[in-house]
C-alpha atoms as a PDB file:
ATOM      1  CA  MET A   1     -57.149 -15.632  28.655  1.00  0.00           C
ATOM      2  CA  ALA A   2     -53.961 -15.804  26.520  1.00  0.00           C
ATOM      3  CA  GLY A   3     -55.574 -18.413  24.279  1.00  0.00           C
ATOM      4  CA  SER A   4     -58.657 -16.232  23.779  1.00  0.00           C
ATOM      5  CA  THR A   5     -56.539 -13.248  22.737  1.00  0.00           C
ATOM      6  CA  TYR A   6     -54.645 -15.363  20.222  1.00  0.00           C
ATOM      7  CA  THR A   7     -57.922 -16.640  18.712  1.00  0.00           C
ATOM      8  CA  ASN A   8     -59.388 -13.155  18.432  1.00  0.00           C
ATOM      9  CA  SER A   9     -56.237 -11.876  16.709  1.00  0.00           C
ATOM     10  CA  ARG A  10     -56.515 -14.642  14.105  1.00  0.00           C
ATOM     11  CA  ASN A  11     -60.196 -13.762  13.519  1.00  0.00           C
ATOM     12  CA  HIS A  12     -59.184 -10.220  12.565  1.00  0.00           C
ATOM     13  CA  LEU A  13     -56.778 -11.379   9.794  1.00  0.00           C
ATOM     14  CA  ASP A  14     -57.957 -10.840   6.217  1.00  0.00           C
ATOM     15  CA  LEU A  15     -57.173 -14.275   4.800  1.00  0.00           C
ATOM     16  CA  SER A  16     -58.586 -13.298   1.402  1.00  0.00           C
ATOM     17  CA  ALA A  17     -55.828 -10.701   0.756  1.00  0.00           C
ATOM     18  CA  PRO A  18     -53.332 -11.799  -1.957  1.00  0.00           C
ATOM     19  CA  CYS A  19     -49.910 -12.994  -0.813  1.00  0.00           C
ATOM     20  CA  ASP A  20     -47.140 -10.387  -1.067  1.00  0.00           C
ATOM     21  CA  HIS A  21     -44.977 -13.000  -2.752  1.00  0.00           C
ATOM     22  CA  ILE A  22     -47.187 -12.980  -5.847  1.00  0.00           C
ATOM     23  CA  GLU A  23     -46.908  -9.198  -6.210  1.00  0.00           C
ATOM     24  CA  ILE A  24     -43.145  -9.284  -5.712  1.00  0.00           C
ATOM     25  CA  THR A  25     -42.744 -12.091  -8.251  1.00  0.00           C
ATOM     26  CA  ASN A  26     -44.816 -10.249 -10.841  1.00  0.00           C
ATOM     27  CA  SER A  27     -42.629  -7.132 -10.457  1.00  0.00           C
ATOM     28  CA  SER A  28     -39.368  -8.990 -11.129  1.00  0.00           C
ATOM     29  CA  GLN A  29     -37.337  -7.759 -14.095  1.00  0.00           C
ATOM     30  CA  GLN A  30     -35.074 -10.801 -14.228  1.00  0.00           C
ATOM     31  CA  ASP A  31     -36.251 -11.701 -17.732  1.00  0.00           C
ATOM     32  CA  LYS A  32     -34.489  -8.559 -19.009  1.00  0.00           C
ATOM     33  CA  VAL A  33     -31.059  -9.725 -17.817  1.00  0.00           C
ATOM     34  CA  PRO A  34     -30.299 -12.112 -20.769  1.00  0.00           C
ATOM     35  CA  ARG A  35     -30.475  -9.116 -23.148  1.00  0.00           C
ATOM     36  CA  VAL A  36     -27.708  -7.398 -21.159  1.00  0.00           C
ATOM     37  CA  VAL A  37     -25.643 -10.608 -21.158  1.00  0.00           C
ATOM     38  CA  LYS A  38     -25.794 -10.709 -24.968  1.00  0.00           C
ATOM     39  CA  GLN A  39     -24.653  -7.080 -25.131  1.00  0.00           C
ATOM     40  CA  LEU A  40     -21.686  -7.903 -22.877  1.00  0.00           C
ATOM     41  CA  LEU A  41     -20.737 -10.888 -25.029  1.00  0.00           C
ATOM     42  CA  ALA A  42     -20.939  -8.743 -28.161  1.00  0.00           C
ATOM     43  CA  SER A  43     -18.733  -6.007 -26.617  1.00  0.00           C
ATOM     44  CA  TRP A  44     -15.993  -8.522 -25.785  1.00  0.00           C
ATOM     45  CA  ASN A  45     -15.799  -9.471 -29.449  1.00  0.00           C
ATOM     46  CA  THR A  46     -14.567  -5.964 -30.300  1.00  0.00           C
ATOM     47  CA  GLU A  47     -11.114  -4.434 -29.859  1.00  0.00           C
ATOM     48  CA  ASP A  48     -12.511  -1.721 -27.579  1.00  0.00           C
ATOM     49  CA  CYS A  49     -12.944  -3.999 -24.564  1.00  0.00           C
ATOM     50  CA  PHE A  50     -10.641  -6.341 -22.665  1.00  0.00           C
ATOM     51  CA  GLU A  51     -11.228  -9.887 -21.494  1.00  0.00           C
ATOM     52  CA  HIS A  52      -9.320 -13.047 -20.654  1.00  0.00           C
ATOM     53  CA  ILE A  53     -11.530 -15.807 -22.000  1.00  0.00           C
ATOM     54  CA  SER A  54      -8.968 -18.562 -22.302  1.00  0.00           C
ATOM     55  CA  PRO A  55      -8.028 -21.945 -20.822  1.00  0.00           C
ATOM     56  CA  VAL A  56      -4.669 -20.343 -19.935  1.00  0.00           C
ATOM     57  CA  SER A  57      -4.788 -19.291 -16.278  1.00  0.00           C
ATOM     58  CA  LEU A  58      -3.688 -15.875 -15.090  1.00  0.00           C
ATOM     59  CA  PRO A  59      -1.373 -15.589 -12.098  1.00  0.00           C
ATOM     60  CA  SER A  60      -3.388 -15.570  -8.897  1.00  0.00           C
ATOM     61  CA  HIS A  61      -3.469 -12.188  -7.137  1.00  0.00           C
ATOM     62  CA  GLU A  62      -4.124 -14.034  -3.870  1.00  0.00           C
ATOM     63  CA  LYS A  63      -1.190 -16.418  -4.384  1.00  0.00           C
ATOM     64  CA  VAL A  64       1.180 -13.565  -5.240  1.00  0.00           C
ATOM     65  CA  ILE A  65       0.259 -11.876  -1.953  1.00  0.00           C
ATOM     66  CA  GLU A  66       0.933 -15.197  -0.192  1.00  0.00           C
ATOM     67  CA  ILE A  67       4.399 -15.168  -1.792  1.00  0.00           C
ATOM     68  CA  VAL A  68       5.020 -11.663  -0.410  1.00  0.00           C
ATOM     69  CA  ASP A  69       3.935 -12.727   3.081  1.00  0.00           C
ATOM     70  CA  GLN A  70       6.040 -15.877   2.967  1.00  0.00           C
ATOM     71  CA  ALA A  71       9.056 -13.889   1.806  1.00  0.00           C
ATOM     72  CA  LYS A  72       8.568 -11.607   4.846  1.00  0.00           C
ATOM     73  CA  ARG A  73       8.662 -14.643   7.151  1.00  0.00           C
ATOM     74  CA  ILE A  74      11.919 -15.807   5.572  1.00  0.00           C
ATOM     75  CA  LEU A  75      13.611 -12.403   5.417  1.00  0.00           C
ATOM     76  CA  PHE A  76      12.668 -11.552   9.021  1.00  0.00           C
ATOM     77  CA  PRO A  77      12.508 -14.917  10.829  1.00  0.00           C
ATOM     78  CA  GLY A  78      10.558 -14.829  14.066  1.00  0.00           C
ATOM     79  CA  TYR A  79       8.751 -11.540  13.354  1.00  0.00           C
ATOM     80  CA  PHE A  80       5.772 -12.615  11.273  1.00  0.00           C
ATOM     81  CA  THR A  81       5.082 -16.164  12.402  1.00  0.00           C
ATOM     82  CA  SER A  82       3.397 -17.909  15.302  1.00  0.00           C
ATOM     83  CA  THR A  83       6.169 -20.515  15.341  1.00  0.00           C
ATOM     84  CA  LYS A  84       8.674 -19.993  18.147  1.00  0.00           C
ATOM     85  CA  LEU A  85      12.111 -20.112  16.577  1.00  0.00           C
ATOM     86  CA  HIS A  86      15.315 -21.120  18.327  1.00  0.00           C
ATOM     87  CA  ALA A  87      18.652 -22.707  17.473  1.00  0.00           C
ATOM     88  CA  SER A  88      17.284 -26.245  17.265  1.00  0.00           C
ATOM     89  CA  ASN A  89      14.531 -25.576  14.684  1.00  0.00           C
ATOM     90  CA  ILE A  90      15.620 -22.504  12.716  1.00  0.00           C
ATOM     91  CA  GLU A  91      17.279 -24.469   9.881  1.00  0.00           C
ATOM     92  CA  TYR A  92      14.263 -26.758   9.495  1.00  0.00           C
ATOM     93  CA  TYR A  93      11.849 -23.807   9.555  1.00  0.00           C
ATOM     94  CA  ILE A  94      13.745 -21.704   7.005  1.00  0.00           C
ATOM     95  CA  GLY A  95      14.337 -24.768   4.837  1.00  0.00           C
ATOM     96  CA  LYS A  96      10.659 -25.656   4.736  1.00  0.00           C
ATOM     97  CA  GLN A  97       9.537 -22.064   4.169  1.00  0.00           C
ATOM     98  CA  THR A  98      12.067 -21.502   1.380  1.00  0.00           C
ATOM     99  CA  THR A  99      11.277 -24.784  -0.395  1.00  0.00           C
ATOM    100  CA  ASP A 100       7.582 -23.998  -0.229  1.00  0.00           C
ATOM    101  CA  LEU A 101       8.264 -20.489  -1.536  1.00  0.00           C
ATOM    102  CA  TYR A 102      10.178 -21.943  -4.489  1.00  0.00           C
ATOM    103  CA  ASP A 103       7.173 -24.101  -5.422  1.00  0.00           C
ATOM    104  CA  LYS A 104       4.736 -21.180  -5.176  1.00  0.00           C
ATOM    105  CA  VAL A 105       6.962 -18.837  -7.170  1.00  0.00           C
ATOM    106  CA  SER A 106       7.620 -21.347  -9.957  1.00  0.00           C
ATOM    107  CA  GLU A 107       3.896 -22.074 -10.286  1.00  0.00           C
ATOM    108  CA  GLN A 108       2.947 -18.390 -10.563  1.00  0.00           C
ATOM    109  CA  ILE A 109       5.813 -17.621 -12.956  1.00  0.00           C
ATOM    110  CA  THR A 110       4.599 -20.446 -15.215  1.00  0.00           C
ATOM    111  CA  MET A 111       1.132 -18.893 -15.308  1.00  0.00           C
ATOM    112  CA  ALA A 112       2.582 -15.441 -15.959  1.00  0.00           C
ATOM    113  CA  ILE A 113       4.703 -16.661 -18.886  1.00  0.00           C
ATOM    114  CA  ARG A 114       1.816 -18.634 -20.389  1.00  0.00           C
ATOM    115  CA  HIS A 115      -0.458 -15.622 -20.140  1.00  0.00           C
ATOM    116  CA  ASP A 116       2.197 -13.412 -21.735  1.00  0.00           C
ATOM    117  CA  CYS A 117       2.631 -15.879 -24.597  1.00  0.00           C
ATOM    118  CA  ARG A 118      -1.114 -16.079 -25.163  1.00  0.00           C
ATOM    119  CA  ARG A 119      -1.607 -12.309 -24.985  1.00  0.00           C
ATOM    120  CA  ASN A 120       1.233 -11.601 -27.436  1.00  0.00           C
ATOM    121  CA  GLU A 121       0.755 -14.697 -29.611  1.00  0.00           C
ATOM    122  CA  LEU A 122       4.323 -15.887 -29.026  1.00  0.00           C
ATOM    123  CA  PRO A 123       5.703 -19.283 -29.997  1.00  0.00           C
ATOM    124  CA  CYS A 124       6.351 -21.851 -27.265  1.00  0.00           C
ATOM    125  CA  THR A 125       8.817 -20.490 -24.723  1.00  0.00           C
ATOM    126  CA  LYS A 126       9.150 -23.668 -22.611  1.00  0.00           C
ATOM    127  CA  CYS A 127       7.404 -21.983 -19.713  1.00  0.00           C
ATOM    128  CA  GLU A 128       7.735 -24.877 -17.239  1.00  0.00           C
ATOM    129  CA  GLU A 129      11.487 -25.179 -17.702  1.00  0.00           C
ATOM    130  CA  ARG A 130      11.998 -21.411 -17.630  1.00  0.00           C
ATOM    131  CA  SER A 131       9.840 -20.917 -14.558  1.00  0.00           C
ATOM    132  CA  HIS A 132      11.870 -23.378 -12.483  1.00  0.00           C
ATOM    133  CA  LYS A 133      15.133 -21.665 -13.476  1.00  0.00           C
ATOM    134  CA  LEU A 134      13.710 -18.232 -12.728  1.00  0.00           C
ATOM    135  CA  ALA A 135      12.266 -19.391  -9.400  1.00  0.00           C
ATOM    136  CA  LEU A 136      15.689 -20.694  -8.360  1.00  0.00           C
ATOM    137  CA  ASN A 137      17.328 -17.420  -9.419  1.00  0.00           C
ATOM    138  CA  PHE A 138      14.806 -15.577  -7.272  1.00  0.00           C
ATOM    139  CA  ILE A 139      15.428 -17.844  -4.257  1.00  0.00           C
ATOM    140  CA  GLU A 140      19.164 -17.296  -4.674  1.00  0.00           C
ATOM    141  CA  SER A 141      18.582 -13.531  -4.402  1.00  0.00           C
ATOM    142  CA  LEU A 142      17.045 -13.772  -0.908  1.00  0.00           C
ATOM    143  CA  PRO A 143      20.360 -13.489   1.023  1.00  0.00           C
ATOM    144  CA  ARG A 144      21.177 -10.330  -0.931  1.00  0.00           C
ATOM    145  CA  ILE A 145      17.729  -8.891  -0.195  1.00  0.00           C
ATOM    146  CA  THR A 146      18.228  -9.650   3.506  1.00  0.00           C
ATOM    147  CA  THR A 147      21.505  -7.719   3.499  1.00  0.00           C
ATOM    148  CA  LEU A 148      19.933  -4.740   1.712  1.00  0.00           C
ATOM    149  CA  LEU A 149      16.989  -4.631   4.114  1.00  0.00           C
ATOM    150  CA  ALA A 150      19.385  -4.604   7.069  1.00  0.00           C
ATOM    151  CA  THR A 151      20.920  -1.422   5.656  1.00  0.00           C
ATOM    152  CA  ASP A 152      17.436   0.051   5.199  1.00  0.00           C
ATOM    153  CA  ILE A 153      16.606  -0.642   8.851  1.00  0.00           C
ATOM    154  CA  ARG A 154      19.850   0.953  10.020  1.00  0.00           C
ATOM    155  CA  ALA A 155      19.044   4.002   7.865  1.00  0.00           C
ATOM    156  CA  ALA A 156      15.681   4.329   9.636  1.00  0.00           C
ATOM    157  CA  LEU A 157      17.319   4.051  13.055  1.00  0.00           C
ATOM    158  CA  THR A 158      19.908   6.669  12.079  1.00  0.00           C
ATOM    159  CA  GLY A 159      17.522   9.086  10.400  1.00  0.00           C
ATOM    160  CA  ASP A 160      14.452   9.008  12.624  1.00  0.00           C
ATOM    161  CA  PRO A 161      14.749  10.037  16.292  1.00  0.00           C
ATOM    162  CA  ALA A 162      11.162   8.858  16.850  1.00  0.00           C
ATOM    163  CA  THR A 163      12.084   5.179  16.610  1.00  0.00           C
ATOM    164  CA  LYS A 164      13.579   3.296  19.531  1.00  0.00           C
ATOM    165  CA  SER A 165      14.405  -0.139  18.122  1.00  0.00           C
ATOM    166  CA  PRO A 166      14.717  -2.190  14.919  1.00  0.00           C
ATOM    167  CA  ASP A 167      11.648  -4.149  16.049  1.00  0.00           C
ATOM    168  CA  GLU A 168       9.578  -0.975  15.823  1.00  0.00           C
ATOM    169  CA  VAL A 169      10.864  -0.292  12.303  1.00  0.00           C
ATOM    170  CA  ILE A 170      10.154  -3.860  11.134  1.00  0.00           C
ATOM    171  CA  PHE A 171       6.702  -4.096  12.672  1.00  0.00           C
ATOM    172  CA  CYS A 172       5.409  -0.558  12.216  1.00  0.00           C
ATOM    173  CA  TYR A 173       7.077   1.454   9.453  1.00  0.00           C
ATOM    174  CA  PRO A 174       5.183   1.594   6.145  1.00  0.00           C
ATOM    175  CA  GLY A 175       8.342   2.814   4.422  1.00  0.00           C
ATOM    176  CA  LEU A 176      10.178  -0.386   5.283  1.00  0.00           C
ATOM    177  CA  LEU A 177       7.209  -2.545   4.248  1.00  0.00           C
ATOM    178  CA  ALA A 178       7.003  -0.812   0.868  1.00  0.00           C
ATOM    179  CA  THR A 179      10.779  -1.112   0.445  1.00  0.00           C
ATOM    180  CA  LEU A 180      10.736  -4.812   1.387  1.00  0.00           C
ATOM    181  CA  ILE A 181       8.035  -5.608  -1.163  1.00  0.00           C
ATOM    182  CA  PHE A 182       9.811  -3.475  -3.761  1.00  0.00           C
ATOM    183  CA  ARG A 183      13.096  -5.318  -3.247  1.00  0.00           C
ATOM    184  CA  VAL A 184      11.358  -8.699  -3.665  1.00  0.00           C
ATOM    185  CA  ALA A 185       9.478  -7.505  -6.752  1.00  0.00           C
ATOM    186  CA  HIS A 186      12.584  -5.878  -8.237  1.00  0.00           C
ATOM    187  CA  GLU A 187      14.430  -9.203  -8.339  1.00  0.00           C
ATOM    188  CA  LEU A 188      11.570 -10.739 -10.337  1.00  0.00           C
ATOM    189  CA  TYR A 189      11.496  -7.654 -12.573  1.00  0.00           C
ATOM    190  CA  LEU A 190      15.213  -8.089 -13.322  1.00  0.00           C
ATOM    191  CA  LEU A 191      14.451 -11.699 -14.316  1.00  0.00           C
ATOM    192  CA  ASN A 192      11.850 -10.394 -16.825  1.00  0.00           C
ATOM    193  CA  VAL A 193       9.005 -12.162 -15.048  1.00  0.00           C
ATOM    194  CA  PRO A 194       5.756 -10.735 -16.474  1.00  0.00           C
ATOM    195  CA  ILE A 195       3.061  -9.005 -14.362  1.00  0.00           C
ATOM    196  CA  ILE A 196       3.923 -10.548 -10.953  1.00  0.00           C
ATOM    197  CA  PRO A 197       6.350  -7.772  -9.864  1.00  0.00           C
ATOM    198  CA  ARG A 198       3.701  -5.151 -10.595  1.00  0.00           C
ATOM    199  CA  ILE A 199       1.052  -7.053  -8.639  1.00  0.00           C
ATOM    200  CA  MET A 200       3.440  -7.035  -5.676  1.00  0.00           C
ATOM    201  CA  THR A 201       4.271  -3.336  -5.714  1.00  0.00           C
ATOM    202  CA  GLU A 202       0.649  -2.303  -6.281  1.00  0.00           C
ATOM    203  CA  TYR A 203      -0.230  -4.458  -3.258  1.00  0.00           C
ATOM    204  CA  ALA A 204       2.357  -2.476  -1.287  1.00  0.00           C
ATOM    205  CA  HIS A 205       0.854   0.729  -2.691  1.00  0.00           C
ATOM    206  CA  SER A 206      -2.602  -0.266  -1.432  1.00  0.00           C
ATOM    207  CA  LEU A 207      -1.225  -1.029   2.041  1.00  0.00           C
ATOM    208  CA  THR A 208       1.077   1.946   2.537  1.00  0.00           C
ATOM    209  CA  GLY A 209       0.178   4.698   0.067  1.00  0.00           C
ATOM    210  CA  ILE A 210       3.744   4.390  -1.290  1.00  0.00           C
ATOM    211  CA  ASP A 211       3.976   3.723  -5.039  1.00  0.00           C
ATOM    212  CA  ILE A 212       7.337   2.295  -6.147  1.00  0.00           C
ATOM    213  CA  HIS A 213       7.563   0.793  -9.622  1.00  0.00           C
ATOM    214  CA  PRO A 214       9.427  -2.549  -9.520  1.00  0.00           C
ATOM    215  CA  GLY A 215      11.724  -1.352 -12.303  1.00  0.00           C
ATOM    216  CA  ALA A 216      13.249   1.455 -10.231  1.00  0.00           C
ATOM    217  CA  THR A 217      16.873   1.075  -9.108  1.00  0.00           C
ATOM    218  CA  ILE A 218      17.389   1.770  -5.390  1.00  0.00           C
ATOM    219  CA  GLY A 219      20.676   1.467  -3.513  1.00  0.00           C
ATOM    220  CA  GLU A 220      21.321   0.414   0.062  1.00  0.00           C
ATOM    221  CA  GLY A 221      20.392   2.384   3.169  1.00  0.00           C
ATOM    222  CA  PHE A 222      17.118   3.638   1.705  1.00  0.00           C
ATOM    223  CA  PHE A 223      14.683   5.286   4.128  1.00  0.00           C
ATOM    224  CA  ILE A 224      11.182   6.623   3.479  1.00  0.00           C
ATOM    225  CA  ASP A 225       9.951   8.547   6.522  1.00  0.00           C
ATOM    226  CA  HIS A 226       6.152   8.625   6.994  1.00  0.00           C
ATOM    227  CA  GLY A 227       5.778   7.795   3.324  1.00  0.00           C
ATOM    228  CA  THR A 228       2.183   8.489   2.337  1.00  0.00           C
ATOM    229  CA  GLY A 229       1.987   9.779  -1.225  1.00  0.00           C
ATOM    230  CA  VAL A 230       5.548   8.900  -2.273  1.00  0.00           C
ATOM    231  CA  VAL A 231       5.782   8.021  -5.994  1.00  0.00           C
ATOM    232  CA  ILE A 232       8.914   6.531  -7.581  1.00  0.00           C
ATOM    233  CA  GLY A 233       8.759   5.919 -11.336  1.00  0.00           C
ATOM    234  CA  GLU A 234      10.033   2.961 -13.332  1.00  0.00           C
ATOM    235  CA  THR A 235      13.333   4.402 -14.598  1.00  0.00           C
ATOM    236  CA  THR A 236      14.262   6.250 -11.399  1.00  0.00           C
ATOM    237  CA  ILE A 237      17.798   5.604 -10.155  1.00  0.00           C
ATOM    238  CA  ILE A 238      18.417   6.155  -6.434  1.00  0.00           C
ATOM    239  CA  GLY A 239      21.887   5.836  -4.930  1.00  0.00           C
ATOM    240  CA  ASN A 240      22.949   4.789  -1.436  1.00  0.00           C
ATOM    241  CA  ASN A 241      21.797   6.381   1.838  1.00  0.00           C
ATOM    242  CA  VAL A 242      18.938   8.402   0.359  1.00  0.00           C
ATOM    243  CA  ARG A 243      16.091   9.645   2.547  1.00  0.00           C
ATOM    244  CA  LEU A 244      12.636  10.673   1.293  1.00  0.00           C
ATOM    245  CA  TYR A 245       9.719  12.163   3.171  1.00  0.00           C
ATOM    246  CA  GLN A 246       5.995  11.927   2.517  1.00  0.00           C
ATOM    247  CA  GLY A 247       4.556  13.250  -0.721  1.00  0.00           C
ATOM    248  CA  VAL A 248       7.806  13.130  -2.709  1.00  0.00           C
ATOM    249  CA  THR A 249       7.335  12.408  -6.423  1.00  0.00           C
ATOM    250  CA  LEU A 250      10.176  11.181  -8.621  1.00  0.00           C
ATOM    251  CA  GLY A 251       8.340  11.257 -11.911  1.00  0.00           C
ATOM    252  CA  ALA A 252       8.386  11.925 -15.633  1.00  0.00           C
ATOM    253  CA  LEU A 253       7.872  15.213 -17.428  1.00  0.00           C
ATOM    254  CA  SER A 254       4.575  15.725 -19.300  1.00  0.00           C
ATOM    255  CA  LEU A 255       4.045  12.839 -21.704  1.00  0.00           C
ATOM    256  CA  PRO A 256       2.446  12.716 -25.169  1.00  0.00           C
ATOM    257  CA  ARG A 257      -0.728  10.708 -25.692  1.00  0.00           C
ATOM    258  CA  ASP A 258       1.207   7.875 -27.352  1.00  0.00           C
ATOM    259  CA  ALA A 259       3.902   7.808 -24.660  1.00  0.00           C
ATOM    260  CA  GLY A 260       3.198   4.139 -23.940  1.00  0.00           C
ATOM    261  CA  GLN A 261       4.859   3.160 -27.204  1.00  0.00           C
ATOM    262  CA  LYS A 262       7.276   6.040 -27.876  1.00  0.00           C
ATOM    263  CA  LEU A 263       8.897   6.271 -24.447  1.00  0.00           C
ATOM    264  CA  ARG A 264       8.813   2.673 -23.258  1.00  0.00           C
ATOM    265  CA  ASP A 265      12.272   1.523 -22.079  1.00  0.00           C
ATOM    266  CA  LYS A 266      13.611   5.101 -22.175  1.00  0.00           C
ATOM    267  CA  LYS A 267      14.908   7.030 -19.153  1.00  0.00           C
ATOM    268  CA  ARG A 268      11.975   9.183 -18.061  1.00  0.00           C
ATOM    269  CA  HIS A 269      12.539   9.613 -14.322  1.00  0.00           C
ATOM    270  CA  PRO A 270      15.278  11.389 -12.327  1.00  0.00           C
ATOM    271  CA  THR A 271      18.527  10.123 -10.867  1.00  0.00           C
ATOM    272  CA  ILE A 272      19.134  10.739  -7.156  1.00  0.00           C
ATOM    273  CA  GLU A 273      22.775  10.307  -6.194  1.00  0.00           C
ATOM    274  CA  ASP A 274      24.176   9.107  -2.847  1.00  0.00           C
ATOM    275  CA  ASN A 275      23.458  10.776   0.506  1.00  0.00           C
ATOM    276  CA  VAL A 276      20.584  12.965  -0.696  1.00  0.00           C
ATOM    277  CA  ILE A 277      17.657  14.068   1.499  1.00  0.00           C
ATOM    278  CA  ILE A 278      14.388  15.149  -0.131  1.00  0.00           C
ATOM    279  CA  TYR A 279      11.775  16.695   2.138  1.00  0.00           C
ATOM    280  CA  SER A 280       8.006  16.407   1.959  1.00  0.00           C
ATOM    281  CA  ASN A 281       5.817  17.228  -1.040  1.00  0.00           C
ATOM    282  CA  THR A 282       8.700  17.923  -3.392  1.00  0.00           C
ATOM    283  CA  THR A 283       8.370  16.924  -7.051  1.00  0.00           C
ATOM    284  CA  ILE A 284      11.418  16.073  -9.171  1.00  0.00           C
ATOM    285  CA  LEU A 285      10.756  15.268 -12.824  1.00  0.00           C
ATOM    286  CA  GLY A 286      12.595  14.198 -15.968  1.00  0.00           C
ATOM    287  CA  GLY A 287      14.983  11.508 -17.125  1.00  0.00           C
ATOM    288  CA  ASP A 288      17.848  13.983 -17.550  1.00  0.00           C
ATOM    289  CA  THR A 289      17.406  15.467 -14.072  1.00  0.00           C
ATOM    290  CA  ILE A 290      20.186  14.531 -11.639  1.00  0.00           C
ATOM    291  CA  ILE A 291      20.227  15.484  -7.981  1.00  0.00           C
ATOM    292  CA  GLY A 292      23.902  15.579  -7.080  1.00  0.00           C
ATOM    293  CA  GLU A 293      25.476  13.652  -4.223  1.00  0.00           C
ATOM    294  CA  GLY A 294      25.058  15.106  -0.759  1.00  0.00           C
ATOM    295  CA  SER A 295      22.343  17.579  -1.741  1.00  0.00           C
ATOM    296  CA  ILE A 296      19.395  18.542   0.450  1.00  0.00           C
ATOM    297  CA  ILE A 297      16.132  19.420  -1.260  1.00  0.00           C
ATOM    298  CA  GLY A 298      13.612  21.268   0.892  1.00  0.00           C
ATOM    299  CA  GLY A 299       9.870  20.719   1.017  1.00  0.00           C
ATOM    300  CA  ASN A 300       7.215  21.869  -1.472  1.00  0.00           C
ATOM    301  CA  ILE A 301       9.702  22.388  -4.313  1.00  0.00           C
ATOM    302  CA  TRP A 302       9.250  21.647  -8.025  1.00  0.00           C
ATOM    303  CA  ILE A 303      12.459  20.645  -9.860  1.00  0.00           C
ATOM    304  CA  THR A 304      12.888  19.816 -13.564  1.00  0.00           C
ATOM    305  CA  GLU A 305      16.619  20.427 -13.978  1.00  0.00           C
ATOM    306  CA  SER A 306      19.758  19.002 -12.408  1.00  0.00           C
ATOM    307  CA  VAL A 307      21.178  20.102  -9.063  1.00  0.00           C
ATOM    308  CA  ALA A 308      24.933  20.159  -8.429  1.00  0.00           C
ATOM    309  CA  THR A 309      26.551  18.074  -5.689  1.00  0.00           C
ATOM    310  CA  ASN A 310      26.338  19.250  -2.077  1.00  0.00           C
ATOM    311  CA  THR A 311      23.665  21.829  -2.878  1.00  0.00           C
ATOM    312  CA  LYS A 312      20.825  22.980  -0.650  1.00  0.00           C
ATOM    313  CA  VAL A 313      17.650  23.838  -2.532  1.00  0.00           C
ATOM    314  CA  LEU A 314      15.205  25.731  -0.326  1.00  0.00           C
ATOM    315  CA  LEU A 315      11.961  27.544  -0.996  1.00  0.00           C
ATOM    316  CA  LYS A 316      11.909  31.173   0.113  1.00  0.00           C
ATOM    317  CA  ARG A 317       9.681  31.576   3.118  1.00  0.00           C
ATOM    318  CA  PRO A 318       6.251  32.752   1.966  1.00  0.00           C
ATOM    319  CA  GLU A 319       4.655  35.845   3.416  1.00  0.00           C
ATOM    320  CA  LEU A 320       1.902  34.964   5.869  1.00  0.00           C
ATOM    321  CA  ILE A 321      -1.092  37.266   6.189  1.00  0.00           C
ATOM    322  CA  TYR A 322      -3.028  37.265   9.484  1.00  0.00           C
ATOM    323  CA  SER A 323      -6.486  38.760   9.514  1.00  0.00           C
ATOM    324  CA  ASN A 324      -9.053  39.173  12.296  1.00  0.00           C
ATOM    325  CA  SER A 325     -11.901  39.997   9.929  1.00  0.00           C
END
């Protein structure tokens, strides 16, 4: 019975109908693609578009992120690795991780310098030799970064009653993660390594919503609570034991259209002195703006001029209107 049904179903098929494949093939517009390719090639030959058609390799975004992750494993041994660490293997583990980090950093710095030379048509800068020196300088900064991060963790424990342990801060706090990546990137920025520091801090920005330019100067005991929407500009100077809340902007005043050339390397962002607290959604702008030591700046405030030491700046409570209509 099953065989008969199968035969009858085949007899009802219209075998003379054209195959769908022929109709689909005839409707293809693939032959129009080469025209678009030629337009793209022509656009890259003008000054209006950007490309990197060159045998000189760019730094690898993926490898730079690997450097960040490896630095985390070194700076916080035992937290971000599957390897069980104890007294008998800690020196071997840190030694291997740090040596490997040196190799990765020197390779990416070489690519960054070569790209910079090609982009700016510079004479030979001995990129291989320079990259190894710069990589060693970076590795030598790791103990100092470790010490700074310890002060940042203590600041979180002191300033946030919601946390119960340093483990929670290290594992869970986006503010510490953004600060860690900033501190790593800042050392490379100070060494004048092209592009890599910015890749690092923009990676942190994508993970945490916290945007810290690697050129900013930030003292010890820095704590960002919650953190989403925090922006810290390139020439910002932040002293010791400063606390920021979500949505704080430390930015520049309105800039002219040609600001990229006119204001490069000039102080455009504020200075925040020691022991200052800035609450959520406050904006502080301008290179001449100084928030004096010990000041407390309330939330939702817009500041474009300096504040004296030990000053509280608060917004007058707005009038609330309740309506049942």
